[in-house]
Amino acid sequence: MDFSDWLRAGTMLKISFIFTVAALMLPQLASASYVSIIQPFNTTVYSQNAVVYIGKDGPGQTFYITISAATTNSTGVVNNLGWNKFVVTGLPQGWIAQNSSLYNPTLSVKITPSSGAPNGTYRFNLTAVNIGNYSKLGALRFIAEVNVTPDVFKLGVSPSTAQVSVSEPTDIYVSINNTGVSDSLFLISLSGLPAYNITQSVIALHHTTETFTYPVTLGEPGVYNVNISVKSVASPLIYKQSSVRIITQATLLNDYYATGSGIIAFPIVYEPVYAVMYLISLILRH
């Protein structure tokens, strides 16, 4: 083989390589549309039947998946309202879903796993649709994967020990780190104190940490070992608690105040003194 033959062979090899690359890229060029997920996190889906891990969710906890309507067509032209509908199919048994509304800049599906769903990883289908294919986008279908587990938040409680005066409120700080994909309603409550059943409702947004104040007031001196409990409204399985030690002590001001409530009994000759003591306690309290 002379030099010219070698050159022609090299040229043909290059041409063959170019055609091979073009053939591999053709499906991508023919399907240039994509789906931009914006909630519960940001990512982009480019191919049919791609698997996207959504995250953790508790049994019975409702979550949303939101996409942008914007995409591109096969020639790369941006279409701001390309996707007109977002659809859920193939849900596990007992799950509930609501498809998106139509023709909005963002499209959201609402999904609620069964409240008794066993722990595990579940899959279902999500499809972005160009209604009537008027923009020549067709539909892009991908697979969502969700891990169902009651372990969707971390609990922090402080202080672990609180020293307060009788009848004076003390604040317990409850920190909820929501590691799941649901914006969840939680109930904060306390157990271990007789006749104290205050329940506080709070919302913890997904993938955030927020601290809530839970006030406690005790009317008698003593040492109390109590539990602060946090549970999801969606399922009793989503539950955590932490112990707190509360030490209450009587003060002179509280003793003065008690004289006006008929708690202390002494001879009648001392009543004028007790009246003055009670008046002092009212002034100091207000």
C-alpha atoms as a PDB file:
ATOM      1  CA  MET A   1       0.000   0.000   0.000  1.00  0.00           C
ATOM      2  CA  ASP A   2       1.482   3.334  -1.075  1.00  0.00           C
ATOM      3  CA  PHE A   3       1.024   6.640   0.729  1.00  0.00           C
ATOM      4  CA  SER A   4      -2.073   7.661  -1.259  1.00  0.00           C
ATOM      5  CA  ASP A   5      -3.803   4.377  -0.445  1.00  0.00           C
ATOM      6  CA  TRP A   6      -2.963   4.800   3.212  1.00  0.00           C
ATOM      7  CA  LEU A   7      -4.356   8.355   3.149  1.00  0.00           C
ATOM      8  CA  ARG A   8      -7.589   7.215   1.500  1.00  0.00           C
ATOM      9  CA  ALA A   9      -7.969   4.419   4.067  1.00  0.00           C
ATOM     10  CA  GLY A  10      -7.468   6.895   6.908  1.00  0.00           C
ATOM     11  CA  THR A  11     -10.028   9.265   5.438  1.00  0.00           C
ATOM     12  CA  MET A  12     -12.577   6.484   5.102  1.00  0.00           C
ATOM     13  CA  LEU A  13     -11.947   5.492   8.711  1.00  0.00           C
ATOM     14  CA  LYS A  14     -12.608   9.032   9.870  1.00  0.00           C
ATOM     15  CA  ILE A  15     -15.805   9.251   7.828  1.00  0.00           C
ATOM     16  CA  SER A  16     -16.959   5.920   9.253  1.00  0.00           C
ATOM     17  CA  PHE A  17     -16.258   7.177  12.785  1.00  0.00           C
ATOM     18  CA  ILE A  18     -18.233  10.376  12.164  1.00  0.00           C
ATOM     19  CA  PHE A  19     -21.236   8.429  10.854  1.00  0.00           C
ATOM     20  CA  THR A  20     -21.086   6.105  13.885  1.00  0.00           C
ATOM     21  CA  VAL A  21     -21.102   9.038  16.310  1.00  0.00           C
ATOM     22  CA  ALA A  22     -23.945  10.692  14.408  1.00  0.00           C
ATOM     23  CA  ALA A  23     -25.962   7.477  14.517  1.00  0.00           C
ATOM     24  CA  LEU A  24     -25.489   7.268  18.280  1.00  0.00           C
ATOM     25  CA  MET A  25     -26.526  10.888  18.747  1.00  0.00           C
ATOM     26  CA  LEU A  26     -29.532  10.748  16.424  1.00  0.00           C
ATOM     27  CA  PRO A  27     -32.014   9.434  19.040  1.00  0.00           C
ATOM     28  CA  GLN A  28     -30.971  12.241  21.373  1.00  0.00           C
ATOM     29  CA  LEU A  29     -31.339  14.853  18.651  1.00  0.00           C
ATOM     30  CA  ALA A  30     -34.740  13.441  17.685  1.00  0.00           C
ATOM     31  CA  SER A  31     -35.850  13.667  21.305  1.00  0.00           C
ATOM     32  CA  ALA A  32     -34.293  16.912  22.552  1.00  0.00           C
ATOM     33  CA  SER A  33     -37.121  17.660  24.994  1.00  0.00           C
ATOM     34  CA  TYR A  34     -36.483  17.281  28.717  1.00  0.00           C
ATOM     35  CA  VAL A  35     -38.349  17.548  32.036  1.00  0.00           C
ATOM     36  CA  SER A  36     -37.100  19.938  34.722  1.00  0.00           C
ATOM     37  CA  ILE A  37     -38.116  18.799  38.220  1.00  0.00           C
ATOM     38  CA  ILE A  38     -38.217  21.760  40.633  1.00  0.00           C
ATOM     39  CA  GLN A  39     -39.795  20.134  43.721  1.00  0.00           C
ATOM     40  CA  PRO A  40     -39.002  18.410  46.048  1.00  0.00           C
ATOM     41  CA  PHE A  41     -35.540  19.154  44.589  1.00  0.00           C
ATOM     42  CA  ASN A  42     -33.991  20.321  41.325  1.00  0.00           C
ATOM     43  CA  THR A  43     -32.949  17.883  38.610  1.00  0.00           C
ATOM     44  CA  THR A  44     -33.481  17.356  34.894  1.00  0.00           C
ATOM     45  CA  VAL A  45     -34.713  14.232  33.113  1.00  0.00           C
ATOM     46  CA  TYR A  46     -33.537  13.804  29.517  1.00  0.00           C
ATOM     47  CA  SER A  47     -34.445  10.253  28.523  1.00  0.00           C
ATOM     48  CA  GLN A  48     -37.477   8.007  28.399  1.00  0.00           C
ATOM     49  CA  ASN A  49     -37.848   5.523  31.293  1.00  0.00           C
ATOM     50  CA  ALA A  50     -35.075   7.150  33.312  1.00  0.00           C
ATOM     51  CA  VAL A  51     -35.214   6.295  37.041  1.00  0.00           C
ATOM     52  CA  VAL A  52     -35.315   9.275  39.433  1.00  0.00           C
ATOM     53  CA  TYR A  53     -34.970   8.770  43.190  1.00  0.00           C
ATOM     54  CA  ILE A  54     -37.411  11.198  44.844  1.00  0.00           C
ATOM     55  CA  GLY A  55     -36.386  10.578  48.470  1.00  0.00           C
ATOM     56  CA  LYS A  56     -37.879   9.348  51.755  1.00  0.00           C
ATOM     57  CA  ASP A  57     -41.537   9.603  52.694  1.00  0.00           C
ATOM     58  CA  GLY A  58     -43.500   8.349  55.675  1.00  0.00           C
ATOM     59  CA  PRO A  59     -46.568   6.116  55.358  1.00  0.00           C
ATOM     60  CA  GLY A  60     -49.634   8.283  54.766  1.00  0.00           C
ATOM     61  CA  GLN A  61     -47.612  11.481  54.244  1.00  0.00           C
ATOM     62  CA  THR A  62     -48.695  13.488  51.193  1.00  0.00           C
ATOM     63  CA  PHE A  63     -45.951  14.882  48.977  1.00  0.00           C
ATOM     64  CA  TYR A  64     -45.779  16.807  45.704  1.00  0.00           C
ATOM     65  CA  ILE A  65     -43.613  16.476  42.607  1.00  0.00           C
ATOM     66  CA  THR A  66     -43.495  19.656  40.538  1.00  0.00           C
ATOM     67  CA  ILE A  67     -42.032  20.214  37.079  1.00  0.00           C
ATOM     68  CA  SER A  68     -41.544  23.264  34.896  1.00  0.00           C
ATOM     69  CA  ALA A  69     -43.646  23.469  31.728  1.00  0.00           C
ATOM     70  CA  ALA A  70     -40.634  24.794  29.805  1.00  0.00           C
ATOM     71  CA  THR A  71     -38.675  22.458  27.526  1.00  0.00           C
ATOM     72  CA  THR A  72     -37.202  22.377  24.008  1.00  0.00           C
ATOM     73  CA  ASN A  73     -38.431  20.759  20.812  1.00  0.00           C
ATOM     74  CA  SER A  74     -36.460  18.513  18.441  1.00  0.00           C
ATOM     75  CA  THR A  75     -34.737  21.520  16.846  1.00  0.00           C
ATOM     76  CA  GLY A  76     -33.655  22.964  20.202  1.00  0.00           C
ATOM     77  CA  VAL A  77     -36.147  25.824  20.268  1.00  0.00           C
ATOM     78  CA  VAL A  78     -37.311  26.665  23.817  1.00  0.00           C
ATOM     79  CA  ASN A  79     -41.034  26.248  24.427  1.00  0.00           C
ATOM     80  CA  ASN A  80     -42.018  27.907  27.730  1.00  0.00           C
ATOM     81  CA  LEU A  81     -45.362  26.086  27.878  1.00  0.00           C
ATOM     82  CA  GLY A  82     -44.314  22.880  26.173  1.00  0.00           C
ATOM     83  CA  TRP A  83     -45.609  20.486  28.819  1.00  0.00           C
ATOM     84  CA  ASN A  84     -49.297  21.017  29.537  1.00  0.00           C
ATOM     85  CA  LYS A  85     -50.088  18.115  31.847  1.00  0.00           C
ATOM     86  CA  PHE A  86     -48.251  15.955  34.404  1.00  0.00           C
ATOM     87  CA  VAL A  87     -49.671  12.479  35.034  1.00  0.00           C
ATOM     88  CA  VAL A  88     -49.118   9.677  37.601  1.00  0.00           C
ATOM     89  CA  THR A  89     -49.680   6.024  36.679  1.00  0.00           C
ATOM     90  CA  GLY A  90     -48.746   2.626  38.052  1.00  0.00           C
ATOM     91  CA  LEU A  91     -49.083   3.508  41.741  1.00  0.00           C
ATOM     92  CA  PRO A  92     -48.752   0.771  44.373  1.00  0.00           C
ATOM     93  CA  GLN A  93     -52.001  -0.571  45.784  1.00  0.00           C
ATOM     94  CA  GLY A  94     -53.642   1.709  48.338  1.00  0.00           C
ATOM     95  CA  TRP A  95     -51.803   4.837  47.213  1.00  0.00           C
ATOM     96  CA  ILE A  96     -53.717   7.933  46.085  1.00  0.00           C
ATOM     97  CA  ALA A  97     -52.676  10.471  43.457  1.00  0.00           C
ATOM     98  CA  GLN A  98     -53.999  13.638  41.871  1.00  0.00           C
ATOM     99  CA  ASN A  99     -52.744  14.668  38.435  1.00  0.00           C
ATOM    100  CA  SER A 100     -51.720  18.232  37.671  1.00  0.00           C
ATOM    101  CA  SER A 101     -53.963  21.012  36.455  1.00  0.00           C
ATOM    102  CA  LEU A 102     -53.585  22.050  32.803  1.00  0.00           C
ATOM    103  CA  TYR A 103     -51.598  24.725  30.974  1.00  0.00           C
ATOM    104  CA  ASN A 104     -49.700  26.227  33.930  1.00  0.00           C
ATOM    105  CA  PRO A 105     -46.062  27.388  34.034  1.00  0.00           C
ATOM    106  CA  THR A 106     -45.478  24.724  36.711  1.00  0.00           C
ATOM    107  CA  LEU A 107     -47.259  21.381  36.966  1.00  0.00           C
ATOM    108  CA  SER A 108     -47.630  19.428  40.222  1.00  0.00           C
ATOM    109  CA  VAL A 109     -48.841  15.939  41.044  1.00  0.00           C
ATOM    110  CA  LYS A 110     -50.032  15.102  44.555  1.00  0.00           C
ATOM    111  CA  ILE A 111     -49.207  11.650  45.920  1.00  0.00           C
ATOM    112  CA  THR A 112     -50.192   9.970  49.199  1.00  0.00           C
ATOM    113  CA  PRO A 113     -48.832   6.530  50.090  1.00  0.00           C
ATOM    114  CA  SER A 114     -51.038   4.155  52.014  1.00  0.00           C
ATOM    115  CA  SER A 115     -50.998   4.929  55.749  1.00  0.00           C
ATOM    116  CA  GLY A 116     -50.141   1.284  56.340  1.00  0.00           C
ATOM    117  CA  ALA A 117     -47.525   0.968  53.614  1.00  0.00           C
ATOM    118  CA  PRO A 118     -44.731  -1.385  54.746  1.00  0.00           C
ATOM    119  CA  ASN A 119     -41.174  -0.093  54.721  1.00  0.00           C
ATOM    120  CA  GLY A 120     -39.532  -0.412  51.333  1.00  0.00           C
ATOM    121  CA  THR A 121     -38.728   1.167  47.988  1.00  0.00           C
ATOM    122  CA  TYR A 122     -41.649   1.752  45.631  1.00  0.00           C
ATOM    123  CA  ARG A 123     -41.810   2.758  41.956  1.00  0.00           C
ATOM    124  CA  PHE A 124     -44.440   4.445  39.822  1.00  0.00           C
ATOM    125  CA  ASN A 125     -44.609   6.278  36.498  1.00  0.00           C
ATOM    126  CA  LEU A 126     -44.617  10.017  35.827  1.00  0.00           C
ATOM    127  CA  THR A 127     -45.372  11.420  32.379  1.00  0.00           C
ATOM    128  CA  ALA A 128     -45.046  14.967  31.064  1.00  0.00           C
ATOM    129  CA  VAL A 129     -47.540  15.419  28.237  1.00  0.00           C
ATOM    130  CA  ASN A 130     -47.797  17.870  25.360  1.00  0.00           C
ATOM    131  CA  ILE A 131     -51.579  17.766  24.869  1.00  0.00           C
ATOM    132  CA  GLY A 132     -52.474  17.082  21.253  1.00  0.00           C
ATOM    133  CA  ASN A 133     -48.745  17.095  20.471  1.00  0.00           C
ATOM    134  CA  TYR A 134     -49.231  20.591  19.042  1.00  0.00           C
ATOM    135  CA  SER A 135     -45.608  21.503  19.867  1.00  0.00           C
ATOM    136  CA  LYS A 136     -44.343  18.177  18.497  1.00  0.00           C
ATOM    137  CA  LEU A 137     -42.978  17.163  21.896  1.00  0.00           C
ATOM    138  CA  GLY A 138     -45.027  14.026  22.413  1.00  0.00           C
ATOM    139  CA  ALA A 139     -44.622  12.798  25.978  1.00  0.00           C
ATOM    140  CA  LEU A 140     -41.675  12.045  28.235  1.00  0.00           C
ATOM    141  CA  ARG A 141     -42.224   9.228  30.692  1.00  0.00           C
ATOM    142  CA  PHE A 142     -39.878   8.457  33.565  1.00  0.00           C
ATOM    143  CA  ILE A 143     -39.910   6.284  36.691  1.00  0.00           C
ATOM    144  CA  ALA A 144     -40.051   7.740  40.208  1.00  0.00           C
ATOM    145  CA  GLU A 145     -38.598   5.811  43.124  1.00  0.00           C
ATOM    146  CA  VAL A 146     -39.630   6.547  46.732  1.00  0.00           C
ATOM    147  CA  ASN A 147     -38.375   5.004  49.968  1.00  0.00           C
ATOM    148  CA  VAL A 148     -41.258   4.620  52.440  1.00  0.00           C
ATOM    149  CA  THR A 149     -40.065   4.631  56.053  1.00  0.00           C
ATOM    150  CA  PRO A 150     -41.255   6.157  59.352  1.00  0.00           C
ATOM    151  CA  ASP A 151     -37.723   7.473  59.902  1.00  0.00           C
ATOM    152  CA  VAL A 152     -38.297  10.778  58.091  1.00  0.00           C
ATOM    153  CA  PHE A 153     -37.254  13.257  60.763  1.00  0.00           C
ATOM    154  CA  LYS A 154     -34.691  13.820  63.493  1.00  0.00           C
ATOM    155  CA  LEU A 155     -35.701  15.211  66.879  1.00  0.00           C
ATOM    156  CA  GLY A 156     -33.720  17.499  69.153  1.00  0.00           C
ATOM    157  CA  VAL A 157     -34.973  18.786  72.533  1.00  0.00           C
ATOM    158  CA  SER A 158     -33.266  21.314  74.807  1.00  0.00           C
ATOM    159  CA  PRO A 159     -32.551  21.859  77.584  1.00  0.00           C
ATOM    160  CA  SER A 160     -32.302  18.322  78.873  1.00  0.00           C
ATOM    161  CA  THR A 161     -32.626  19.732  82.424  1.00  0.00           C
ATOM    162  CA  ALA A 162     -34.513  22.915  83.349  1.00  0.00           C
ATOM    163  CA  GLN A 163     -34.658  24.652  86.736  1.00  0.00           C
ATOM    164  CA  VAL A 164     -37.608  26.998  87.149  1.00  0.00           C
ATOM    165  CA  SER A 165     -39.754  28.634  89.786  1.00  0.00           C
ATOM    166  CA  VAL A 166     -43.213  27.371  90.647  1.00  0.00           C
ATOM    167  CA  SER A 167     -45.931  28.815  88.382  1.00  0.00           C
ATOM    168  CA  GLU A 168     -43.335  30.447  86.141  1.00  0.00           C
ATOM    169  CA  PRO A 169     -43.405  29.228  82.513  1.00  0.00           C
ATOM    170  CA  THR A 170     -40.302  27.604  81.072  1.00  0.00           C
ATOM    171  CA  ASP A 171     -39.673  27.101  77.364  1.00  0.00           C
ATOM    172  CA  ILE A 172     -38.676  23.739  75.933  1.00  0.00           C
ATOM    173  CA  TYR A 173     -37.125  24.039  72.469  1.00  0.00           C
ATOM    174  CA  VAL A 174     -38.108  21.292  70.038  1.00  0.00           C
ATOM    175  CA  SER A 175     -36.032  20.978  66.868  1.00  0.00           C
ATOM    176  CA  ILE A 176     -37.467  18.990  63.930  1.00  0.00           C
ATOM    177  CA  ASN A 177     -35.139  18.128  61.051  1.00  0.00           C
ATOM    178  CA  ASN A 178     -37.481  16.927  58.312  1.00  0.00           C
ATOM    179  CA  THR A 179     -35.401  14.648  56.078  1.00  0.00           C
ATOM    180  CA  GLY A 180     -38.414  13.474  54.060  1.00  0.00           C
ATOM    181  CA  VAL A 181     -40.122  14.912  50.967  1.00  0.00           C
ATOM    182  CA  SER A 182     -43.409  15.816  52.661  1.00  0.00           C
ATOM    183  CA  ASP A 183     -44.279  19.191  54.218  1.00  0.00           C
ATOM    184  CA  SER A 184     -45.670  17.525  57.304  1.00  0.00           C
ATOM    185  CA  LEU A 185     -47.996  18.482  60.117  1.00  0.00           C
ATOM    186  CA  PHE A 186     -46.595  17.311  63.470  1.00  0.00           C
ATOM    187  CA  LEU A 187     -48.051  17.319  66.992  1.00  0.00           C
ATOM    188  CA  ILE A 188     -45.833  18.203  69.979  1.00  0.00           C
ATOM    189  CA  SER A 189     -47.035  16.973  73.363  1.00  0.00           C
ATOM    190  CA  LEU A 190     -45.769  16.218  76.857  1.00  0.00           C
ATOM    191  CA  SER A 191     -46.324  13.165  79.039  1.00  0.00           C
ATOM    192  CA  GLY A 192     -45.381  12.484  82.650  1.00  0.00           C
ATOM    193  CA  LEU A 193     -47.227  15.351  84.331  1.00  0.00           C
ATOM    194  CA  PRO A 194     -50.696  14.891  85.838  1.00  0.00           C
ATOM    195  CA  ALA A 195     -53.452  16.930  84.170  1.00  0.00           C
ATOM    196  CA  TYR A 196     -51.042  18.483  81.656  1.00  0.00           C
ATOM    197  CA  ASN A 197     -52.224  17.654  78.151  1.00  0.00           C
ATOM    198  CA  ILE A 198     -51.305  20.619  75.955  1.00  0.00           C
ATOM    199  CA  THR A 199     -50.749  19.659  72.300  1.00  0.00           C
ATOM    200  CA  GLN A 200     -49.107  22.018  69.837  1.00  0.00           C
ATOM    201  CA  SER A 201     -49.475  21.691  66.037  1.00  0.00           C
ATOM    202  CA  VAL A 202     -46.537  22.669  63.831  1.00  0.00           C
ATOM    203  CA  ILE A 203     -45.606  22.312  60.160  1.00  0.00           C
ATOM    204  CA  ALA A 204     -42.110  21.115  59.264  1.00  0.00           C
ATOM    205  CA  LEU A 205     -41.150  21.757  55.635  1.00  0.00           C
ATOM    206  CA  HIS A 206     -39.299  19.050  53.730  1.00  0.00           C
ATOM    207  CA  HIS A 207     -35.493  19.083  53.780  1.00  0.00           C
ATOM    208  CA  THR A 208     -35.401  21.813  56.452  1.00  0.00           C
ATOM    209  CA  THR A 209     -34.702  22.126  60.171  1.00  0.00           C
ATOM    210  CA  GLU A 210     -36.867  24.333  62.362  1.00  0.00           C
ATOM    211  CA  THR A 211     -37.036  24.912  66.112  1.00  0.00           C
ATOM    212  CA  PHE A 212     -40.363  25.352  67.898  1.00  0.00           C
ATOM    213  CA  THR A 213     -41.046  26.656  71.427  1.00  0.00           C
ATOM    214  CA  TYR A 214     -43.130  24.492  73.747  1.00  0.00           C
ATOM    215  CA  PRO A 215     -44.001  26.291  77.045  1.00  0.00           C
ATOM    216  CA  VAL A 216     -44.434  24.342  80.293  1.00  0.00           C
ATOM    217  CA  THR A 217     -45.760  25.699  83.622  1.00  0.00           C
ATOM    218  CA  LEU A 218     -45.761  23.704  86.874  1.00  0.00           C
ATOM    219  CA  GLY A 219     -47.759  24.693  89.964  1.00  0.00           C
ATOM    220  CA  GLU A 220     -45.970  22.630  92.613  1.00  0.00           C
ATOM    221  CA  PRO A 221     -42.307  22.327  93.613  1.00  0.00           C
ATOM    222  CA  GLY A 222     -40.622  19.049  92.790  1.00  0.00           C
ATOM    223  CA  VAL A 223     -38.515  17.096  90.334  1.00  0.00           C
ATOM    224  CA  TYR A 224     -40.361  15.913  87.212  1.00  0.00           C
ATOM    225  CA  ASN A 225     -39.075  13.511  84.569  1.00  0.00           C
ATOM    226  CA  VAL A 226     -41.202  14.095  81.479  1.00  0.00           C
ATOM    227  CA  ASN A 227     -41.185  13.084  77.819  1.00  0.00           C
ATOM    228  CA  ILE A 228     -41.559  15.463  74.889  1.00  0.00           C
ATOM    229  CA  SER A 229     -43.214  13.583  72.019  1.00  0.00           C
ATOM    230  CA  VAL A 230     -43.417  14.512  68.337  1.00  0.00           C
ATOM    231  CA  LYS A 231     -45.641  12.539  65.954  1.00  0.00           C
ATOM    232  CA  SER A 232     -46.935  13.033  62.442  1.00  0.00           C
ATOM    233  CA  VAL A 233     -50.654  13.533  61.908  1.00  0.00           C
ATOM    234  CA  ALA A 234     -50.389  11.277  58.837  1.00  0.00           C
ATOM    235  CA  SER A 235     -49.466   8.106  60.729  1.00  0.00           C
ATOM    236  CA  PRO A 236     -48.828   7.044  64.350  1.00  0.00           C
ATOM    237  CA  LEU A 237     -45.802   5.128  63.024  1.00  0.00           C
ATOM    238  CA  ILE A 238     -43.976   8.427  62.467  1.00  0.00           C
ATOM    239  CA  TYR A 239     -43.073   9.182  66.066  1.00  0.00           C
ATOM    240  CA  LYS A 240     -40.120  10.162  68.279  1.00  0.00           C
ATOM    241  CA  GLN A 241     -39.708  11.313  71.888  1.00  0.00           C
ATOM    242  CA  SER A 242     -37.031  12.734  74.172  1.00  0.00           C
ATOM    243  CA  SER A 243     -36.792  12.976  77.961  1.00  0.00           C
ATOM    244  CA  VAL A 244     -36.520  16.238  79.915  1.00  0.00           C
ATOM    245  CA  ARG A 245     -35.905  16.752  83.649  1.00  0.00           C
ATOM    246  CA  ILE A 246     -37.712  19.746  85.160  1.00  0.00           C
ATOM    247  CA  ILE A 247     -36.875  20.978  88.651  1.00  0.00           C
ATOM    248  CA  THR A 248     -39.299  23.484  90.169  1.00  0.00           C
ATOM    249  CA  GLN A 249     -38.610  25.438  93.339  1.00  0.00           C
ATOM    250  CA  ALA A 250     -40.773  27.703  95.474  1.00  0.00           C
ATOM    251  CA  THR A 251     -39.761  31.379  95.738  1.00  0.00           C
ATOM    252  CA  LEU A 252     -40.564  34.102  98.236  1.00  0.00           C
ATOM    253  CA  LEU A 253     -42.620  35.871  95.602  1.00  0.00           C
ATOM    254  CA  ASN A 254     -44.700  32.739  95.017  1.00  0.00           C
ATOM    255  CA  ASP A 255     -45.240  32.358  98.766  1.00  0.00           C
ATOM    256  CA  TYR A 256     -46.442  35.964  98.959  1.00  0.00           C
ATOM    257  CA  TYR A 257     -48.808  35.351  96.056  1.00  0.00           C
ATOM    258  CA  ALA A 258     -50.143  32.186  97.700  1.00  0.00           C
ATOM    259  CA  THR A 259     -51.359  34.180 100.706  1.00  0.00           C
ATOM    260  CA  GLY A 260     -53.998  35.795  98.520  1.00  0.00           C
ATOM    261  CA  SER A 261     -55.238  32.420  97.315  1.00  0.00           C
ATOM    262  CA  GLY A 262     -56.113  31.051 100.755  1.00  0.00           C
ATOM    263  CA  ILE A 263     -53.303  28.499 100.751  1.00  0.00           C
ATOM    264  CA  ILE A 264     -51.534  29.536 103.961  1.00  0.00           C
ATOM    265  CA  ALA A 265     -53.522  29.340 107.209  1.00  0.00           C
ATOM    266  CA  PHE A 266     -52.336  31.339 110.236  1.00  0.00           C
ATOM    267  CA  PRO A 267     -54.021  33.119 113.178  1.00  0.00           C
ATOM    268  CA  ILE A 268     -56.272  36.028 112.194  1.00  0.00           C
ATOM    269  CA  VAL A 269     -53.977  38.522 113.893  1.00  0.00           C
ATOM    270  CA  TYR A 270     -51.490  38.128 111.035  1.00  0.00           C
ATOM    271  CA  GLU A 271     -54.003  38.762 108.257  1.00  0.00           C
ATOM    272  CA  PRO A 272     -53.031  42.449 107.746  1.00  0.00           C
ATOM    273  CA  VAL A 273     -49.398  41.380 107.229  1.00  0.00           C
ATOM    274  CA  TYR A 274     -50.449  38.710 104.742  1.00  0.00           C
ATOM    275  CA  ALA A 275     -52.560  41.251 102.873  1.00  0.00           C
ATOM    276  CA  VAL A 276     -49.496  43.503 102.490  1.00  0.00           C
ATOM    277  CA  MET A 277     -47.407  40.517 101.323  1.00  0.00           C
ATOM    278  CA  TYR A 278     -50.028  39.603  98.735  1.00  0.00           C
ATOM    279  CA  LEU A 279     -50.170  43.225  97.505  1.00  0.00           C
ATOM    280  CA  ILE A 280     -46.379  43.236  97.101  1.00  0.00           C
ATOM    281  CA  SER A 281     -46.544  40.017  95.043  1.00  0.00           C
ATOM    282  CA  LEU A 282     -49.181  41.521  92.730  1.00  0.00           C
ATOM    283  CA  ILE A 283     -47.090  44.648  92.195  1.00  0.00           C
ATOM    284  CA  LEU A 284     -43.955  42.632  91.420  1.00  0.00           C
ATOM    285  CA  ARG A 285     -45.817  40.331  89.044  1.00  0.00           C
ATOM    286  CA  HIS A 286     -47.310  43.190  87.070  1.00  0.00           C
END
